[in-house]
Protein backbone atom coordinates (compact mmCIF):
# COMPACT_ATOMS: atom_id res chain seq x y z
CA MET A 1 103.70 117.43 122.21
CA TYR A 2 103.43 116.16 118.66
CA LEU A 3 100.88 116.98 115.91
CA GLY A 4 99.63 114.35 113.48
CA LEU A 5 97.68 115.31 110.44
CA ASP A 6 95.69 112.63 108.55
CA LEU A 7 94.23 113.57 105.23
CA GLY A 8 91.51 111.01 104.62
CA THR A 9 88.90 110.79 101.87
CA SER A 10 85.88 111.83 104.03
CA GLU A 11 87.61 114.01 106.63
CA LEU A 12 90.87 115.49 107.74
CA LYS A 13 91.94 114.83 111.30
CA ALA A 14 94.46 116.75 113.54
CA LEU A 15 95.62 114.99 116.61
CA LEU A 16 97.77 116.21 119.56
CA LEU A 17 99.94 113.53 121.23
CA GLY A 18 101.74 113.86 124.40
CA ASP A 19 105.20 112.26 125.16
CA ASP A 20 103.22 110.20 127.68
CA HIS A 21 101.23 108.67 124.84
CA ARG A 22 98.06 110.57 125.81
CA ILE A 23 95.86 111.78 123.02
CA VAL A 24 95.35 115.37 124.15
CA ALA A 25 93.03 116.48 121.43
CA LEU A 26 91.49 115.43 118.11
CA ALA A 27 89.81 117.78 115.59
CA ARG A 28 88.02 116.83 112.47
CA ALA A 29 86.93 118.52 109.32
CA ALA A 30 84.57 116.87 106.74
CA LEU A 31 85.52 116.45 103.07
CA THR A 32 83.42 115.70 100.00
CA VAL A 33 84.11 113.70 96.83
CA ASP A 34 83.12 114.84 93.39
CA ARG A 35 82.02 112.19 90.90
CA PRO A 36 81.60 114.14 87.61
CA ALA A 37 81.46 111.07 85.42
CA PRO A 38 81.02 107.23 85.84
CA LEU A 39 84.03 105.68 87.55
CA TRP A 40 85.51 109.12 88.31
CA SER A 41 86.37 110.22 91.94
CA GLU A 42 88.02 113.58 92.55
CA GLN A 43 88.77 116.22 95.11
CA ALA A 44 90.04 119.79 94.81
CA PRO A 45 93.25 120.23 96.95
CA SER A 46 91.95 123.52 97.99
CA GLN A 47 89.37 121.73 99.95
CA TRP A 48 92.04 119.84 101.86
CA TRP A 49 93.78 123.22 102.78
CA ASP A 50 90.39 124.74 103.94
CA ALA A 51 89.90 121.59 106.11
CA LEU A 52 93.39 122.02 107.60
CA GLU A 53 92.70 125.59 108.40
CA THR A 54 89.46 124.64 110.17
CA VAL A 55 91.11 121.94 112.35
CA MET A 56 93.99 124.15 113.30
CA ALA A 57 91.69 126.94 114.18
CA ALA A 58 89.64 124.49 116.38
CA LEU A 59 92.83 123.28 118.15
CA ARG A 60 93.99 126.81 118.70
CA SER A 61 90.74 127.84 120.22
CA THR A 62 90.76 124.93 122.76
CA HIS A 63 94.46 123.88 123.18
CA ALA A 64 96.61 126.86 122.40
CA ALA A 65 99.05 126.06 125.15
CA GLU A 66 99.60 122.57 123.84
CA LEU A 67 100.02 123.75 120.36
CA ALA A 68 102.89 126.03 121.52
CA GLN A 69 104.62 122.92 122.96
CA VAL A 70 104.52 120.94 119.54
CA ARG A 71 107.99 119.85 118.61
CA ALA A 72 107.24 118.16 115.19
CA ILE A 73 104.53 117.47 112.77
CA GLY A 74 103.73 114.13 111.03
CA LEU A 75 101.54 113.44 107.95
CA SER A 76 99.34 110.55 107.08
CA GLY A 77 97.08 110.45 103.99
CA GLN A 78 94.86 108.74 101.52
CA MET A 79 97.22 106.95 99.02
CA HIS A 80 97.47 106.96 95.21
CA GLY A 81 95.86 110.32 94.48
CA ALA A 82 97.49 112.43 91.77
CA VAL A 83 98.00 116.04 92.35
CA ALA A 84 99.54 117.61 89.25
CA LEU A 85 101.44 120.85 89.70
CA ASP A 86 102.90 123.22 87.14
CA ALA A 87 106.29 124.95 87.31
CA ALA A 88 104.95 127.57 89.65
CA GLY A 89 103.58 124.93 91.99
CA GLN A 90 99.95 125.65 91.02
CA VAL A 91 97.43 122.88 90.95
CA LEU A 92 96.50 122.07 87.40
CA ARG A 93 93.27 120.00 87.95
CA PRO A 94 91.30 118.38 90.73
CA ALA A 95 93.17 115.41 92.23
CA ILE A 96 92.28 112.12 90.92
CA LEU A 97 91.62 109.83 93.88
CA TRP A 98 92.52 106.28 94.91
CA ASN A 99 89.01 104.98 94.21
CA ASP A 100 88.76 106.43 90.68
CA GLY A 101 88.36 103.72 88.07
CA ARG A 102 88.76 105.46 84.76
CA SER A 103 92.25 104.24 83.87
CA ALA A 104 91.74 100.57 83.30
CA ALA A 105 92.75 100.92 79.72
CA GLN A 106 95.98 102.81 80.81
CA CYS A 107 96.71 99.92 83.26
CA ALA A 108 96.68 97.33 80.38
CA ALA A 109 98.96 99.73 78.30
CA LEU A 110 101.44 100.10 81.09
CA THR A 111 101.58 96.53 81.71
CA ALA A 112 102.21 95.75 78.17
CA ARG A 113 104.78 98.53 77.94
CA VAL A 114 106.84 97.26 80.93
CA PRO A 115 106.68 93.50 81.22
CA ALA A 116 108.89 93.76 84.33
CA LEU A 117 106.37 95.99 86.06
CA THR A 118 105.16 93.62 88.82
CA ALA A 119 108.78 92.61 89.62
CA ILE A 120 109.79 96.29 90.04
CA ALA A 121 106.84 97.86 91.65
CA GLY A 122 105.58 94.55 93.39
CA ASN A 123 102.07 95.20 92.32
CA LEU A 124 99.63 94.82 89.49
CA ALA A 125 98.66 97.93 87.69
CA MET A 126 95.38 98.93 88.98
CA PRO A 127 93.24 102.03 88.13
CA GLY A 128 93.55 103.13 91.78
CA PHE A 129 97.38 103.58 91.45
CA THR A 130 98.94 106.85 90.49
CA ALA A 131 100.79 106.01 87.34
CA PRO A 132 97.78 105.03 85.25
CA LYS A 133 96.16 108.36 86.16
CA LEU A 134 99.01 110.22 84.67
CA LEU A 135 98.72 108.07 81.46
CA TRP A 136 95.03 108.92 81.30
CA MET A 137 96.05 112.69 81.55
CA ARG A 138 98.60 112.20 78.86
CA GLU A 139 95.97 110.68 76.53
CA HIS A 140 92.87 112.75 77.49
CA GLU A 141 94.24 116.07 78.89
CA PRO A 142 97.48 116.44 76.80
CA ALA A 143 97.79 120.21 77.40
CA LEU A 144 97.55 119.78 81.19
CA PHE A 145 99.92 116.80 81.05
CA ALA A 146 102.60 118.91 79.11
CA ARG A 147 102.34 121.55 81.82
CA THR A 148 102.90 119.06 84.58
CA ALA A 149 106.11 119.71 86.27
CA CYS A 150 105.60 117.73 89.44
CA VAL A 151 103.21 115.04 90.71
CA LEU A 152 102.45 114.76 94.49
CA LEU A 153 100.41 112.50 96.53
CA PRO A 154 97.70 114.12 98.68
CA LYS A 155 99.51 114.26 101.86
CA ASP A 156 102.64 115.37 100.23
CA TRP A 157 100.79 118.32 98.65
CA LEU A 158 99.95 119.36 102.19
CA ARG A 159 103.65 119.19 103.11
CA PHE A 160 104.50 121.35 100.04
CA MET A 161 101.89 123.88 101.37
CA LEU A 162 103.32 123.73 104.87
CA SER A 163 106.88 123.79 104.05
CA GLY A 164 107.57 124.49 100.49
CA GLU A 165 109.32 121.04 100.13
CA ARG A 166 108.44 118.44 97.61
CA ALA A 167 109.07 115.15 99.29
CA SER A 168 107.40 111.76 99.91
CA ASP A 169 107.89 108.73 102.13
CA MET A 170 108.57 105.23 100.93
CA SER A 171 105.20 103.79 102.08
CA ASP A 172 103.20 106.38 100.22
CA ALA A 173 105.43 106.38 97.24
CA SER A 174 104.94 102.45 96.92
CA GLY A 175 101.34 103.12 95.81
CA THR A 176 102.36 105.11 92.78
CA LEU A 177 103.67 102.25 90.45
CA TRP A 178 106.79 104.37 89.91
CA LEU A 179 108.71 103.07 92.93
CA ASP A 180 111.15 100.18 92.87
CA VAL A 181 109.83 98.90 96.11
CA ALA A 182 112.69 96.53 97.06
CA ALA A 183 115.28 99.26 96.31
CA ARG A 184 113.22 101.99 97.98
CA ASP A 185 114.02 104.38 95.03
CA TRP A 186 112.19 105.64 91.94
CA SER A 187 112.34 103.50 88.90
CA ASP A 188 113.56 105.29 85.77
CA GLU A 189 111.94 102.58 83.63
CA LEU A 190 108.50 102.99 85.13
CA LEU A 191 108.77 106.74 84.92
CA ALA A 192 109.83 106.72 81.34
CA ALA A 193 106.88 104.47 80.42
CA CYS A 194 104.58 107.26 81.62
CA GLY A 195 106.41 110.03 79.79
CA LEU A 196 108.00 111.26 83.09
CA ASP A 197 111.44 111.25 84.83
CA ARG A 198 112.83 111.95 88.24
CA SER A 199 112.44 115.62 87.87
CA HIS A 200 108.70 115.25 88.09
CA MET A 201 109.04 113.33 91.38
CA PRO A 202 109.39 114.51 94.97
CA ARG A 203 112.52 113.46 96.71
CA LEU A 204 112.19 110.25 98.84
CA VAL A 205 112.65 109.99 102.72
CA GLU A 206 111.80 107.36 105.31
CA GLY A 207 108.64 108.09 107.22
CA SER A 208 110.55 108.85 110.42
CA ALA A 209 112.91 111.27 108.85
CA VAL A 210 112.68 115.01 108.66
CA ALA A 211 111.26 116.15 105.29
CA GLY A 212 110.64 119.95 105.73
CA ARG A 213 110.06 122.66 108.26
CA LEU A 214 106.97 124.70 108.89
CA LYS A 215 106.75 128.17 107.29
CA PRO A 216 106.97 131.08 109.71
CA ASP A 217 103.66 132.65 108.73
CA LEU A 218 101.78 129.40 109.27
CA ALA A 219 103.49 128.85 112.62
CA GLN A 220 102.49 132.35 113.71
CA ARG A 221 98.84 131.90 112.56
CA TRP A 222 98.29 128.57 114.28
CA GLY A 223 100.38 129.28 117.45
CA LEU A 224 103.14 126.73 116.65
CA ALA A 225 106.94 127.18 117.02
CA ALA A 226 108.53 128.49 113.86
CA GLY A 227 110.58 126.02 111.84
CA ILE A 228 109.54 122.80 113.66
CA PRO A 229 110.27 119.73 111.54
CA ILE A 230 107.73 117.92 109.44
CA ALA A 231 108.30 114.12 109.20
CA GLY A 232 108.10 112.12 106.02
CA GLY A 233 104.95 110.41 107.45
CA GLY A 234 103.17 107.60 105.74
CA GLY A 235 100.41 106.38 103.64
CA ASP A 236 97.24 105.95 105.73
CA ASN A 237 97.58 102.28 106.36
CA ALA A 238 101.32 102.18 107.14
CA ALA A 239 100.75 105.27 109.40
CA SER A 240 97.82 103.45 111.18
CA ALA A 241 100.13 100.44 111.73
CA VAL A 242 102.67 102.72 113.48
CA GLY A 243 99.91 104.15 115.50
CA MET A 244 98.93 100.71 116.71
CA GLY A 245 102.53 99.58 117.31
CA LEU A 246 102.52 97.17 114.44
CA VAL A 247 106.13 97.16 113.26
CA ALA A 248 107.28 93.58 113.58
CA ALA A 249 106.81 90.71 111.04
CA GLY A 250 103.44 88.93 111.35
CA GLU A 251 101.64 91.79 113.16
CA GLY A 252 98.74 93.26 111.44
CA PHE A 253 95.38 95.01 111.47
CA VAL A 254 92.04 95.17 109.76
CA SER A 255 90.77 98.57 108.95
CA LEU A 256 87.03 99.49 108.46
CA GLY A 257 87.36 102.86 106.99
CA THR A 258 86.02 104.32 103.62
CA SER A 259 87.89 101.43 102.16
CA GLY A 260 88.66 98.04 103.94
CA VAL A 261 92.16 96.83 104.52
CA ILE A 262 93.90 93.72 105.89
CA PHE A 263 97.48 94.76 106.68
CA VAL A 264 100.29 92.42 107.72
CA CYS A 265 103.93 93.49 108.39
CA GLY A 266 106.99 91.80 107.00
CA GLU A 267 110.74 91.89 107.11
CA HIS A 268 111.23 91.53 103.38
CA PHE A 269 109.75 92.67 100.16
CA ALA A 270 107.21 89.88 99.37
CA PRO A 271 105.28 90.58 96.19
CA ASP A 272 102.32 88.39 95.16
CA PRO A 273 100.67 90.16 92.19
CA ALA A 274 99.00 87.09 90.96
CA ARG A 275 96.49 87.42 93.77
CA ALA A 276 96.21 91.16 93.68
CA VAL A 277 98.19 91.44 96.93
CA HIS A 278 99.78 94.91 97.58
CA ALA A 279 103.41 94.81 98.54
CA PHE A 280 104.58 98.16 99.89
CA CYS A 281 107.33 99.60 102.01
CA HIS A 282 106.47 100.21 105.63
CA ALA A 283 106.67 103.77 106.96
CA LEU A 284 109.78 102.81 109.07
CA PRO A 285 113.28 101.98 107.44
CA GLY A 286 114.07 98.47 106.34
CA ARG A 287 110.64 97.02 106.63
CA TRP A 288 107.81 96.18 104.21
CA HIS A 289 104.16 94.99 104.39
CA GLN A 290 101.56 93.03 102.52
CA MET A 291 98.03 94.36 102.16
CA SER A 292 94.75 93.47 100.71
CA VAL A 293 92.39 96.31 99.82
CA MET A 294 88.62 96.47 99.17
CA LEU A 295 87.42 99.81 97.92
CA SER A 296 83.97 100.01 99.65
CA ALA A 297 83.90 99.18 103.34
CA SER A 298 82.29 101.61 105.71
CA SER A 299 81.40 103.68 102.74
CA ALA A 300 79.26 100.81 101.49
CA VAL A 301 77.46 100.83 104.88
CA SER A 302 77.00 104.61 104.80
CA TRP A 303 75.60 104.32 101.21
CA ALA A 304 73.09 101.63 102.21
CA ALA A 305 71.98 103.56 105.38
CA ARG A 306 71.15 106.57 103.26
CA SER A 307 69.65 104.63 100.41
CA PHE A 308 67.35 102.61 102.44
CA GLY A 309 66.18 105.15 104.95
CA LEU A 310 68.17 103.85 107.93
CA GLY A 311 69.70 107.23 108.62
CA ASN A 312 73.38 106.63 109.24
CA GLU A 313 75.95 103.83 109.70
CA PRO A 314 75.33 103.14 113.45
CA ALA A 315 71.53 103.00 112.84
CA LEU A 316 72.13 100.48 109.94
CA LEU A 317 74.33 98.22 112.18
CA ALA A 318 71.85 98.42 115.04
CA ALA A 319 69.09 97.22 112.62
CA ALA A 320 71.34 94.49 111.34
CA ALA A 321 72.02 93.24 114.98
CA THR A 322 68.32 92.53 115.48
CA LEU A 323 68.32 89.58 113.25
CA ASP A 324 68.33 86.17 114.78
CA ALA A 325 70.28 83.12 113.19
CA GLY A 326 67.47 82.02 111.02
CA ALA A 327 66.89 85.44 109.66
CA ARG A 328 70.52 85.77 108.90
CA ARG A 329 70.50 82.55 106.99
CA ARG A 330 67.65 83.76 104.82
CA ALA A 331 68.95 87.28 104.21
CA PRO A 332 69.87 88.46 100.73
CA LEU A 333 73.56 88.58 99.64
CA PHE A 334 75.34 91.84 98.94
CA LEU A 335 78.34 92.34 96.74
CA PRO A 336 80.02 95.49 98.09
CA TYR A 337 81.70 96.57 94.90
CA LEU A 338 80.32 100.05 94.58
CA SER A 339 83.59 101.50 93.17
CA GLY A 340 84.83 98.37 91.56
CA GLU A 341 87.16 96.24 93.45
CA ARG A 342 90.93 95.63 93.98
CA SER A 343 91.80 92.61 96.13
CA PRO A 344 91.45 89.87 95.22
CA HIS A 345 89.55 90.62 91.84
CA ASN A 346 91.40 93.68 90.33
CA ASP A 347 88.14 94.46 88.62
CA ALA A 348 87.36 98.14 87.96
CA ASP A 349 84.05 97.08 86.31
CA ALA A 350 82.66 95.21 89.34
CA GLU A 351 79.40 96.62 90.71
CA GLY A 352 77.37 96.30 93.92
CA VAL A 353 74.49 93.79 93.93
CA LEU A 354 71.70 92.99 96.30
CA PHE A 355 70.74 89.42 95.36
CA GLY A 356 67.93 87.16 96.57
CA LEU A 357 65.37 89.83 97.64
CA THR A 358 61.83 88.60 98.57
CA HIS A 359 58.81 90.09 100.07
CA ALA A 360 59.93 88.82 103.37
CA HIS A 361 62.90 91.13 103.45
CA GLY A 362 62.95 94.52 105.06
CA PRO A 363 65.47 97.18 106.18
CA ALA A 364 67.00 94.90 108.82
CA GLU A 365 67.77 92.07 106.38
CA ILE A 366 69.24 94.51 103.85
CA ALA A 367 71.35 96.03 106.64
CA TYR A 368 72.70 92.56 107.74
CA ALA A 369 73.46 91.72 104.04
CA VAL A 370 75.52 94.87 103.66
CA ALA A 371 77.59 94.42 106.83
CA GLU A 372 78.09 90.73 106.09
CA GLY A 373 78.98 91.57 102.36
CA VAL A 374 81.76 93.89 103.44
CA SER A 375 83.08 91.17 105.85
CA PHE A 376 83.12 88.61 103.12
CA GLY A 377 85.03 91.00 100.97
CA LEU A 378 87.63 91.38 103.71
CA ARG A 379 87.75 87.64 104.16
CA ASP A 380 88.47 87.28 100.40
CA GLY A 381 91.45 89.63 101.03
CA LEU A 382 92.69 87.76 104.02
CA ASP A 383 92.71 84.64 102.22
CA THR A 384 95.43 86.04 99.85
CA LEU A 385 97.82 86.82 102.67
CA ALA A 386 99.95 84.94 105.04
CA ARG A 387 98.01 84.56 108.24
CA PRO A 388 98.91 87.03 111.04
CA THR A 389 100.90 85.71 113.99
CA GLY A 390 98.26 86.85 116.63
CA ASP A 391 95.24 89.06 116.85
CA LEU A 392 94.40 91.64 114.24
CA ILE A 393 93.98 95.14 115.53
CA LEU A 394 90.72 96.87 114.58
CA VAL A 395 91.13 100.48 113.19
CA GLY A 396 88.88 102.91 111.50
CA GLY A 397 85.51 104.34 112.19
CA GLY A 398 83.67 101.00 111.57
CA ALA A 399 85.59 99.49 114.38
CA ARG A 400 83.38 101.42 116.79
CA SER A 401 80.57 98.88 116.43
CA ALA A 402 80.97 95.89 118.88
CA TRP A 403 78.35 93.92 116.86
CA TRP A 404 80.07 94.49 113.63
CA SER A 405 83.44 93.68 115.20
CA GLN A 406 82.13 90.37 116.47
CA LEU A 407 80.63 89.47 113.07
CA LEU A 408 83.92 90.25 111.39
CA ALA A 409 85.92 88.13 113.83
CA ASP A 410 83.62 85.24 113.13
CA ILE A 411 83.78 85.50 109.27
CA LEU A 412 87.61 86.11 109.24
CA ASP A 413 88.00 83.31 111.84
CA VAL A 414 90.77 85.50 113.53
CA PRO A 415 90.74 87.20 117.00
CA LEU A 416 90.19 90.91 116.67
CA THR A 417 91.31 93.45 119.31
CA ARG A 418 90.22 97.06 119.68
CA CYS A 419 92.90 99.32 121.26
CA GLU A 420 92.94 102.74 122.71
CA GLY A 421 93.19 105.37 119.96
CA ALA A 422 92.15 102.96 117.17
CA GLU A 423 89.57 105.39 115.84
CA ALA A 424 92.32 108.02 115.34
CA GLY A 425 93.89 105.83 112.67
CA GLY A 426 96.59 107.36 110.67
CA ALA A 427 96.56 110.62 112.65
CA LEU A 428 97.99 108.78 115.83
CA GLY A 429 100.57 107.11 113.55
CA ALA A 430 101.54 110.46 112.02
CA ALA A 431 102.02 111.97 115.36
CA ARG A 432 104.33 109.05 116.31
CA LEU A 433 106.31 109.46 113.18
CA ALA A 434 106.79 113.12 114.07
CA TRP A 435 108.00 112.00 117.50
CA LEU A 436 110.56 109.64 115.83
CA ALA A 437 111.65 112.45 113.55
CA ASP A 438 112.24 114.49 116.63
CA GLY A 439 114.70 111.80 117.95
CA GLY A 440 112.31 109.39 119.73
CA ILE A 441 113.32 105.84 120.24
CA GLU A 442 111.25 103.33 118.20
CA ALA A 443 110.74 100.93 121.20
CA GLU A 444 109.40 103.67 123.26
CA VAL A 445 107.36 105.47 120.64
CA CYS A 446 105.80 102.49 118.76
CA ARG A 447 104.36 100.80 121.76
CA ARG A 448 101.07 98.77 121.45
CA PRO A 449 98.24 100.90 122.90
CA ALA A 450 96.25 99.47 125.82
CA VAL A 451 93.56 96.83 124.80
CA ARG A 452 90.09 98.03 125.20
CA GLN A 453 88.05 94.99 123.93
CA ARG A 454 88.81 91.62 122.32
CA PHE A 455 86.59 89.65 120.00
CA ALA A 456 87.27 85.88 119.70
CA PRO A 457 85.67 84.04 116.91
CA GLU A 458 82.40 82.38 117.87
CA ARG A 459 82.21 79.27 115.78
CA THR A 460 78.64 78.27 116.52
CA GLN A 461 77.66 79.88 113.20
CA ALA A 462 80.74 78.88 111.16
CA ALA A 463 78.88 76.53 108.93
CA ILE A 464 76.29 79.15 108.08
CA HIS A 465 79.01 81.77 107.40
CA ALA A 466 80.93 79.26 105.22
CA ALA A 467 77.89 78.40 103.12
CA ARG A 468 76.88 82.08 102.59
CA HIS A 469 80.53 82.94 101.76
CA ALA A 470 80.70 80.28 99.20
CA ARG A 471 77.41 81.69 97.52
CA PHE A 472 78.89 85.19 97.69
CA LYS A 473 82.03 84.10 95.86
CA ALA A 474 79.96 82.20 93.26
CA LEU A 475 77.70 85.08 92.70
CA TYR A 476 80.66 87.38 91.76
CA GLY A 477 82.06 84.74 89.46
CA THR A 478 78.69 84.38 87.68
CA LEU A 479 78.20 88.14 87.20
CA ARG A 480 81.74 89.21 86.43
CA GLY A 481 81.15 89.00 82.59
CA ALA A 482 77.93 90.91 82.95
CA PHE A 483 79.77 93.75 84.78
CA ALA A 484 82.16 94.15 81.92
CA ALA A 485 79.47 94.12 79.32
CA ASP A 486 77.47 96.75 81.09
CA GLY A 487 79.76 99.48 79.92
CA SER A 488 78.57 102.05 82.49
């Protein structure tokens, strides 16, 4: 039995995986995000620990016998978040999250300070990444910055609490802008540009390697064996890829989570910063991947459902599905940039827009516009990447909607496949990485799950989608200057 822990933005998941690939149990605990100022997005790490205690108590109450059989733990988590610790290991401030946009000025400063940044890190400096957050702290919170002895990513803070070890894996570390992604090692030049050095960084391991062992008191409280290994794990997207068996070049997925992701595996480091493509290490040794990321995917749907009285995400998607082709053609357009945007625009100032509203439009038309707008944002990201060699696997909570899955297949013009366990996302991959750390063989552990449903593109509406997508892109181009001038 293997335990996968996935620390997301909106929830923490704990998954028990049998060595016959059965998902034995899945427990969840909700998380909330604080937004104390415009562009800010923070979480208190103590909330993560409370959520972990909640899911472990739930598993012990229902699956105590299975917990006792766990041989290793794996970790997956939201990337880029900055957890600053003092010399005693105490958290200095709330973690600044991946969708925080306050550090645009620090991105420009870092780029000017290190002209070779994109060649080393493989990525543009974006506010979501970790390094600009520490530069922001250095400028705006100098006393806290001076006390910072170590910077950990969110899931790696959980590892520290679980084992006392300060460690990170290559895939998650790729999102800091401190990693030499080709060399799979910290870059002294990038660290120095932020006033840091290797002493501030966790040690690096591969995602399938042992990176710590569970503390005895926690093992006793949760009914686990003392000293079981904790794998390096992975950033949420690399872990999701491992969970879906996507480890060979050309294989990929589309994720409909809080953020939206197109992920394609590769054998080599292949940066393309000019198009805001992310080039990261995979969670397995000797492999890399490309990724496009939009900051508001399912979170935009949830926002719209609440804001327009549609209740929740499934209710909004059900309302959108009621529109016929003519009503879709006349629906408003939605720019889904509620937290700014990464790929392909790298624009922290971008904002959400509903455009073209008339008296004829009601909740269903708005619902359709939002689902379509997120899909168009994902298509913009896909167009920056090499085309996948086959189907893209659907992962994340949004993948539960067959209607949205079909719309997305139509707009991406790529077949999409929903597999068993896809909703588990990074938790399943984390459990598989634990299995590998326990000596599992990759070919056996990283199998593709059984196909549940396939969505082939229906091209009868291709001309309508193409025309609306062209208007969508033109609308952003027209409004980009207005976003920057808004100053909010």
